[in-house]
Amino acid sequence: MSQDIKQLRVKLFDELSKIVDPEINTSIVELELIDEVDING
């Protein structure tokens, strides 16, 4: 189940990345990395 949530988050991040400014996109990528740590930890 957590795998499904992870895939959903990845899709969401990808969609957001298409619309936001590059500067904000960097923040989103950083948040995604933090999420990875939370999920794996």
Foldseek 3Di string as FASTA:
>chain_A
DVVVVLVVLVVVLVVVCVPDDPVVNVVSVVVNVVVVVVSVD
